[in-house]
Amino acid sequence: MNSFELNKVLGALLGCVLITLSLNIAAGALFAPQKPEKPGYAIAVKEGAGEKAGPAAAEEPMEAMLASASVEKGQATAKQCGACHTFEKGGPNRVGPNLYGIVGRARASEAGFNYSAAMKAKGGTWTFGELYAFLANPRGYIPGTNMTFAGLSRGQQRADVIDYLNTLSDSPQPMPKAAAAGAAKPADAAKPAAPAAPAAAPAMKH
C-alpha cells in the first residue's frame, strides 16, 4: 500500500470519528436530561389528598345504619365466616361457635364450645352495640380472643351482617331506635306570648 492510499484510509477514519463526535454533541444538546434541584422522585399528589376529612366523611350512627341495613347483603358478607361458624339452628361448633341466636345471647354461653379466657372474662350480652364494636376489630375490642378475623372496617357492612344475624333466631331482637335529634321544647316556651289586651276607655257621663 502506497502513501496515497494510506492517507485516504486515515482520512476516512478521521472523518468517521469527526462525524460520530458531531452527532454525539448534537444529540446531547437536543436530548439533555433536566437535572432536578433536589435528588429523588417527583410524585404527583392530588390536590386536597392531604387534607383531613370533613364532617361529611363521618359515618352515621349505628342505629341509622341498622335502620337501612340489608339482610341479603349481610348474608353475602357473612359467607366469609362460614369456614369457622355455622348459622343454622342446632348447627355444630367449628373453630368458632354456632351463631344461631347470637343477637341477645349471653357471651361465651354456646354449649360445647371452648371459649378463650378473655371471652369468658368479658361477660355481658351480645347486644347490637357489642356486636357492632366487636366486628369492627375483634382482637382490639377483646384482647386475647382466639378469633383471628381482622374485622369489617365499614359500619354499613357490620350493620348488614348484624341485621342478618338477628334473623337467625326464634325471637329476633327489636332494632334499637336512633336517639332523638334534640329535646322537645316545652309547649309554653314554644308558643309566643299573647299580646296584652288594650285598656278599656273610661265611661262618659251624660
C-alpha atoms as a PDB file:
ATOM      1  CA  MET A   1       0.000   0.000   0.000  1.00  0.00           C
ATOM      2  CA  ASN A   2       1.472   3.341  -1.085  1.00  0.00           C
ATOM      3  CA  SER A   3       1.368   6.538   0.926  1.00  0.00           C
ATOM      4  CA  PHE A   4      -1.509   7.975  -1.116  1.00  0.00           C
ATOM      5  CA  GLU A   5      -3.838   5.083  -0.332  1.00  0.00           C
ATOM      6  CA  LEU A   6      -2.770   5.133   3.335  1.00  0.00           C
ATOM      7  CA  ASN A   7      -3.672   8.814   3.574  1.00  0.00           C
ATOM      8  CA  LYS A   8      -7.087   8.063   2.060  1.00  0.00           C
ATOM      9  CA  VAL A   9      -7.769   5.363   4.681  1.00  0.00           C
ATOM     10  CA  LEU A  10      -6.607   7.561   7.550  1.00  0.00           C
ATOM     11  CA  GLY A  11      -8.680  10.446   6.219  1.00  0.00           C
ATOM     12  CA  ALA A  12     -11.767   8.242   6.021  1.00  0.00           C
ATOM     13  CA  LEU A  13     -11.243   7.056   9.607  1.00  0.00           C
ATOM     14  CA  LEU A  14     -10.724  10.589  10.820  1.00  0.00           C
ATOM     15  CA  GLY A  15     -13.871  11.708   9.001  1.00  0.00           C
ATOM     16  CA  CYS A  16     -15.918   8.952  10.664  1.00  0.00           C
ATOM     17  CA  VAL A  17     -14.579   9.956  14.071  1.00  0.00           C
ATOM     18  CA  LEU A  18     -15.435  13.611  13.451  1.00  0.00           C
ATOM     19  CA  ILE A  19     -18.953  12.768  12.216  1.00  0.00           C
ATOM     20  CA  THR A  20     -19.601  10.489  15.204  1.00  0.00           C
ATOM     21  CA  LEU A  21     -18.357  13.144  17.637  1.00  0.00           C
ATOM     22  CA  SER A  22     -20.515  15.804  15.977  1.00  0.00           C
ATOM     23  CA  LEU A  23     -23.620  13.610  16.155  1.00  0.00           C
ATOM     24  CA  ASN A  24     -22.944  12.853  19.804  1.00  0.00           C
ATOM     25  CA  ILE A  25     -22.624  16.546  20.653  1.00  0.00           C
ATOM     26  CA  ALA A  26     -25.798  17.408  18.721  1.00  0.00           C
ATOM     27  CA  ALA A  27     -27.784  14.620  20.371  1.00  0.00           C
ATOM     28  CA  GLY A  28     -26.615  15.715  23.803  1.00  0.00           C
ATOM     29  CA  ALA A  29     -27.755  19.264  23.100  1.00  0.00           C
ATOM     30  CA  LEU A  30     -31.188  18.136  21.915  1.00  0.00           C
ATOM     31  CA  PHE A  31     -31.943  15.435  24.472  1.00  0.00           C
ATOM     32  CA  ALA A  32     -30.056  16.585  27.548  1.00  0.00           C
ATOM     33  CA  PRO A  33     -31.964  15.410  30.657  1.00  0.00           C
ATOM     34  CA  GLN A  34     -33.157  18.085  33.032  1.00  0.00           C
ATOM     35  CA  LYS A  35     -31.483  17.615  36.380  1.00  0.00           C
ATOM     36  CA  PRO A  36     -33.780  18.138  39.392  1.00  0.00           C
ATOM     37  CA  GLU A  37     -32.866  20.717  42.001  1.00  0.00           C
ATOM     38  CA  LYS A  38     -33.079  18.010  44.673  1.00  0.00           C
ATOM     39  CA  PRO A  39     -32.356  14.289  44.237  1.00  0.00           C
ATOM     40  CA  GLY A  40     -35.343  11.942  44.401  1.00  0.00           C
ATOM     41  CA  TYR A  41     -38.520  11.139  42.533  1.00  0.00           C
ATOM     42  CA  ALA A  42     -41.316  13.611  41.925  1.00  0.00           C
ATOM     43  CA  ILE A  43     -44.649  12.101  42.998  1.00  0.00           C
ATOM     44  CA  ALA A  44     -47.850  13.692  41.751  1.00  0.00           C
ATOM     45  CA  VAL A  45     -50.280  14.230  44.630  1.00  0.00           C
ATOM     46  CA  LYS A  46     -53.929  15.002  44.055  1.00  0.00           C
ATOM     47  CA  GLU A  47     -54.938  18.341  45.472  1.00  0.00           C
ATOM     48  CA  GLY A  48     -56.666  18.049  48.787  1.00  0.00           C
ATOM     49  CA  ALA A  49     -55.425  14.484  49.370  1.00  0.00           C
ATOM     50  CA  GLY A  50     -53.558  15.534  52.493  1.00  0.00           C
ATOM     51  CA  GLU A  51     -56.445  17.440  53.983  1.00  0.00           C
ATOM     52  CA  LYS A  52     -58.351  15.885  56.823  1.00  0.00           C
ATOM     53  CA  ALA A  53     -61.750  14.505  56.046  1.00  0.00           C
ATOM     54  CA  GLY A  54     -64.527  16.855  56.960  1.00  0.00           C
ATOM     55  CA  PRO A  55     -67.700  16.059  58.906  1.00  0.00           C
ATOM     56  CA  ALA A  56     -69.306  14.658  55.745  1.00  0.00           C
ATOM     57  CA  ALA A  57     -66.878  11.702  55.851  1.00  0.00           C
ATOM     58  CA  ALA A  58     -68.037  10.642  59.325  1.00  0.00           C
ATOM     59  CA  GLU A  59     -70.196   7.526  59.477  1.00  0.00           C
ATOM     60  CA  GLU A  60     -73.821   7.655  60.516  1.00  0.00           C
ATOM     61  CA  PRO A  61     -74.809   6.347  63.967  1.00  0.00           C
ATOM     62  CA  MET A  62     -75.187   2.588  64.276  1.00  0.00           C
ATOM     63  CA  GLU A  63     -78.956   2.888  64.734  1.00  0.00           C
ATOM     64  CA  ALA A  64     -79.333   4.749  61.437  1.00  0.00           C
ATOM     65  CA  MET A  65     -77.266   2.114  59.618  1.00  0.00           C
ATOM     66  CA  LEU A  66     -79.321  -0.695  61.126  1.00  0.00           C
ATOM     67  CA  ALA A  67     -82.499   1.051  60.004  1.00  0.00           C
ATOM     68  CA  SER A  68     -81.280   0.917  56.389  1.00  0.00           C
ATOM     69  CA  ALA A  69     -79.458  -2.438  56.663  1.00  0.00           C
ATOM     70  CA  SER A  70     -79.896  -5.185  54.084  1.00  0.00           C
ATOM     71  CA  VAL A  71     -80.355  -8.793  55.188  1.00  0.00           C
ATOM     72  CA  GLU A  72     -79.308 -10.009  51.729  1.00  0.00           C
ATOM     73  CA  LYS A  73     -76.057  -8.015  51.781  1.00  0.00           C
ATOM     74  CA  GLY A  74     -75.384  -9.158  55.329  1.00  0.00           C
ATOM     75  CA  GLN A  75     -75.855 -12.801  54.353  1.00  0.00           C
ATOM     76  CA  ALA A  76     -73.459 -12.354  51.430  1.00  0.00           C
ATOM     77  CA  THR A  77     -70.819 -10.760  53.677  1.00  0.00           C
ATOM     78  CA  ALA A  78     -71.276 -13.420  56.357  1.00  0.00           C
ATOM     79  CA  LYS A  79     -70.310 -16.161  53.888  1.00  0.00           C
ATOM     80  CA  GLN A  80     -66.672 -15.428  54.654  1.00  0.00           C
ATOM     81  CA  CYS A  81     -67.405 -16.529  58.240  1.00  0.00           C
ATOM     82  CA  GLY A  82     -68.682 -19.932  57.117  1.00  0.00           C
ATOM     83  CA  ALA A  83     -65.252 -21.547  57.413  1.00  0.00           C
ATOM     84  CA  CYS A  84     -65.325 -21.102  61.198  1.00  0.00           C
ATOM     85  CA  HIS A  85     -69.030 -20.799  62.106  1.00  0.00           C
ATOM     86  CA  THR A  86     -72.341 -22.456  61.329  1.00  0.00           C
ATOM     87  CA  PHE A  87     -75.572 -20.464  61.173  1.00  0.00           C
ATOM     88  CA  GLU A  88     -78.422 -22.978  61.228  1.00  0.00           C
ATOM     89  CA  LYS A  89     -80.364 -23.824  64.373  1.00  0.00           C
ATOM     90  CA  GLY A  90     -78.658 -26.663  66.220  1.00  0.00           C
ATOM     91  CA  GLY A  91     -75.631 -26.442  63.923  1.00  0.00           C
ATOM     92  CA  PRO A  92     -72.301 -27.784  65.176  1.00  0.00           C
ATOM     93  CA  ASN A  93     -69.494 -25.690  66.569  1.00  0.00           C
ATOM     94  CA  ARG A  94     -66.391 -25.424  64.438  1.00  0.00           C
ATOM     95  CA  VAL A  95     -63.344 -23.249  65.024  1.00  0.00           C
ATOM     96  CA  GLY A  96     -65.910 -20.739  66.291  1.00  0.00           C
ATOM     97  CA  PRO A  97     -69.287 -21.305  67.951  1.00  0.00           C
ATOM     98  CA  ASN A  98     -72.619 -21.714  66.166  1.00  0.00           C
ATOM     99  CA  LEU A  99     -74.113 -18.257  65.548  1.00  0.00           C
ATOM    100  CA  TYR A 100     -77.829 -19.057  65.558  1.00  0.00           C
ATOM    101  CA  GLY A 101     -79.463 -16.779  68.120  1.00  0.00           C
ATOM    102  CA  ILE A 102     -76.244 -14.815  68.715  1.00  0.00           C
ATOM    103  CA  VAL A 103     -78.030 -11.435  68.946  1.00  0.00           C
ATOM    104  CA  GLY A 104     -79.184 -11.098  72.547  1.00  0.00           C
ATOM    105  CA  ARG A 105     -77.304 -14.210  73.717  1.00  0.00           C
ATOM    106  CA  ALA A 106     -75.054 -14.184  76.753  1.00  0.00           C
ATOM    107  CA  ARG A 107     -71.409 -14.019  75.742  1.00  0.00           C
ATOM    108  CA  ALA A 108     -69.417 -17.288  75.878  1.00  0.00           C
ATOM    109  CA  SER A 109     -72.572 -19.334  76.505  1.00  0.00           C
ATOM    110  CA  GLU A 110     -72.836 -21.670  73.483  1.00  0.00           C
ATOM    111  CA  ALA A 111     -72.892 -25.200  74.864  1.00  0.00           C
ATOM    112  CA  GLY A 112     -69.969 -27.417  73.982  1.00  0.00           C
ATOM    113  CA  PHE A 113     -67.645 -24.668  72.759  1.00  0.00           C
ATOM    114  CA  ASN A 114     -64.328 -23.958  74.478  1.00  0.00           C
ATOM    115  CA  TYR A 115     -64.138 -20.169  74.680  1.00  0.00           C
ATOM    116  CA  SER A 116     -60.940 -18.229  75.359  1.00  0.00           C
ATOM    117  CA  ALA A 117     -60.310 -16.914  78.844  1.00  0.00           C
ATOM    118  CA  ALA A 118     -60.590 -13.359  77.521  1.00  0.00           C
ATOM    119  CA  MET A 119     -64.041 -14.016  76.057  1.00  0.00           C
ATOM    120  CA  LYS A 120     -65.237 -15.625  79.279  1.00  0.00           C
ATOM    121  CA  ALA A 121     -63.871 -12.736  81.359  1.00  0.00           C
ATOM    122  CA  LYS A 122     -65.583 -10.129  79.172  1.00  0.00           C
ATOM    123  CA  GLY A 123     -69.045 -11.320  80.177  1.00  0.00           C
ATOM    124  CA  GLY A 124     -72.187  -9.448  79.246  1.00  0.00           C
ATOM    125  CA  THR A 125     -74.569  -9.967  76.331  1.00  0.00           C
ATOM    126  CA  TRP A 126     -74.169  -9.797  72.577  1.00  0.00           C
ATOM    127  CA  THR A 127     -76.270  -6.688  72.063  1.00  0.00           C
ATOM    128  CA  PHE A 128     -76.412  -4.798  68.773  1.00  0.00           C
ATOM    129  CA  GLY A 129     -73.810  -2.340  70.072  1.00  0.00           C
ATOM    130  CA  GLU A 130     -71.495  -5.079  71.352  1.00  0.00           C
ATOM    131  CA  LEU A 131     -71.593  -6.931  68.041  1.00  0.00           C
ATOM    132  CA  TYR A 132     -71.095  -3.687  66.105  1.00  0.00           C
ATOM    133  CA  ALA A 133     -67.941  -2.843  68.084  1.00  0.00           C
ATOM    134  CA  PHE A 134     -66.606  -6.413  68.102  1.00  0.00           C
ATOM    135  CA  LEU A 135     -66.986  -6.924  64.356  1.00  0.00           C
ATOM    136  CA  ALA A 136     -65.023  -3.741  63.699  1.00  0.00           C
ATOM    137  CA  ASN A 137     -61.881  -5.108  65.395  1.00  0.00           C
ATOM    138  CA  PRO A 138     -62.326  -8.381  67.327  1.00  0.00           C
ATOM    139  CA  ARG A 139     -58.840  -8.521  68.838  1.00  0.00           C
ATOM    140  CA  GLY A 140     -58.830  -4.823  69.576  1.00  0.00           C
ATOM    141  CA  TYR A 141     -62.195  -4.968  71.343  1.00  0.00           C
ATOM    142  CA  ILE A 142     -61.454  -8.170  73.280  1.00  0.00           C
ATOM    143  CA  PRO A 143     -57.655  -8.574  73.554  1.00  0.00           C
ATOM    144  CA  GLY A 144     -56.755 -12.232  73.900  1.00  0.00           C
ATOM    145  CA  THR A 145     -59.687 -13.626  71.936  1.00  0.00           C
ATOM    146  CA  ASN A 146     -58.959 -16.634  69.739  1.00  0.00           C
ATOM    147  CA  MET A 147     -60.875 -15.097  66.834  1.00  0.00           C
ATOM    148  CA  THR A 148     -58.403 -14.283  64.078  1.00  0.00           C
ATOM    149  CA  PHE A 149     -60.835 -12.397  61.831  1.00  0.00           C
ATOM    150  CA  ALA A 150     -59.461  -8.913  61.049  1.00  0.00           C
ATOM    151  CA  GLY A 151     -62.868  -7.241  61.221  1.00  0.00           C
ATOM    152  CA  LEU A 152     -65.146  -5.158  58.983  1.00  0.00           C
ATOM    153  CA  SER A 153     -63.988  -1.554  58.718  1.00  0.00           C
ATOM    154  CA  ARG A 154     -67.184  -0.229  57.109  1.00  0.00           C
ATOM    155  CA  GLY A 155     -70.003   0.434  59.530  1.00  0.00           C
ATOM    156  CA  GLN A 156     -72.723  -0.316  56.992  1.00  0.00           C
ATOM    157  CA  GLN A 157     -71.235  -3.745  56.329  1.00  0.00           C
ATOM    158  CA  ARG A 158     -71.318  -4.514  60.049  1.00  0.00           C
ATOM    159  CA  ALA A 159     -74.914  -3.307  60.266  1.00  0.00           C
ATOM    160  CA  ASP A 160     -75.884  -5.554  57.336  1.00  0.00           C
ATOM    161  CA  VAL A 161     -74.262  -8.591  58.972  1.00  0.00           C
ATOM    162  CA  ILE A 162     -75.917  -7.881  62.337  1.00  0.00           C
ATOM    163  CA  ASP A 163     -79.286  -7.439  60.630  1.00  0.00           C
ATOM    164  CA  TYR A 164     -78.812 -10.850  59.013  1.00  0.00           C
ATOM    165  CA  LEU A 165     -77.686 -12.489  62.266  1.00  0.00           C
ATOM    166  CA  ASN A 166     -80.744 -11.079  64.014  1.00  0.00           C
ATOM    167  CA  THR A 167     -82.974 -13.029  61.621  1.00  0.00           C
ATOM    168  CA  LEU A 168     -81.301 -16.267  62.771  1.00  0.00           C
ATOM    169  CA  SER A 169     -83.402 -16.540  65.890  1.00  0.00           C
ATOM    170  CA  ASP A 170     -86.687 -17.902  67.173  1.00  0.00           C
ATOM    171  CA  SER A 171     -87.349 -14.418  68.600  1.00  0.00           C
ATOM    172  CA  PRO A 172     -85.405 -11.702  66.728  1.00  0.00           C
ATOM    173  CA  GLN A 173     -84.480  -8.693  68.840  1.00  0.00           C
ATOM    174  CA  PRO A 174     -86.200  -5.339  68.192  1.00  0.00           C
ATOM    175  CA  MET A 175     -83.949  -2.918  66.354  1.00  0.00           C
ATOM    176  CA  PRO A 176     -82.589  -0.066  68.503  1.00  0.00           C
ATOM    177  CA  LYS A 177     -84.102   3.310  67.763  1.00  0.00           C
ATOM    178  CA  ALA A 178     -81.981   6.308  66.875  1.00  0.00           C
ATOM    179  CA  ALA A 179     -81.625   8.943  69.570  1.00  0.00           C
ATOM    180  CA  ALA A 180     -83.823  11.990  69.181  1.00  0.00           C
ATOM    181  CA  ALA A 181     -82.163  14.900  67.407  1.00  0.00           C
ATOM    182  CA  GLY A 182     -82.926  17.242  70.292  1.00  0.00           C
ATOM    183  CA  ALA A 183     -85.073  17.502  73.355  1.00  0.00           C
ATOM    184  CA  ALA A 184     -88.643  18.659  72.769  1.00  0.00           C
ATOM    185  CA  LYS A 185     -89.288  22.196  73.806  1.00  0.00           C
ATOM    186  CA  PRO A 186     -91.945  22.871  76.447  1.00  0.00           C
ATOM    187  CA  ALA A 187     -95.297  23.835  74.964  1.00  0.00           C
ATOM    188  CA  ASP A 188     -95.399  27.153  76.802  1.00  0.00           C
ATOM    189  CA  ALA A 189     -91.911  28.117  75.620  1.00  0.00           C
ATOM    190  CA  ALA A 190     -92.721  27.222  72.035  1.00  0.00           C
ATOM    191  CA  LYS A 191     -95.774  29.479  71.851  1.00  0.00           C
ATOM    192  CA  PRO A 192     -95.291  33.237  71.512  1.00  0.00           C
ATOM    193  CA  ALA A 193     -96.677  35.372  74.324  1.00  0.00           C
ATOM    194  CA  ALA A 194    -100.206  36.636  73.696  1.00  0.00           C
ATOM    195  CA  PRO A 195    -100.416  40.405  73.227  1.00  0.00           C
ATOM    196  CA  ALA A 196    -101.799  42.352  76.161  1.00  0.00           C
ATOM    197  CA  ALA A 197    -105.460  43.396  75.852  1.00  0.00           C
ATOM    198  CA  PRO A 198    -105.950  47.164  75.355  1.00  0.00           C
ATOM    199  CA  ALA A 199    -107.110  49.112  78.403  1.00  0.00           C
ATOM    200  CA  ALA A 200    -110.862  49.892  78.481  1.00  0.00           C
ATOM    201  CA  ALA A 201    -111.778  53.537  77.790  1.00  0.00           C
ATOM    202  CA  PRO A 202    -113.354  55.432  80.801  1.00  0.00           C
ATOM    203  CA  ALA A 203    -117.156  55.706  80.693  1.00  0.00           C
ATOM    204  CA  MET A 204    -118.524  59.087  79.601  1.00  0.00           C
ATOM    205  CA  LYS A 205    -121.097  60.752  81.854  1.00  0.00           C
ATOM    206  CA  HIS A 206    -124.008  62.463  80.181  1.00  0.00           C
END
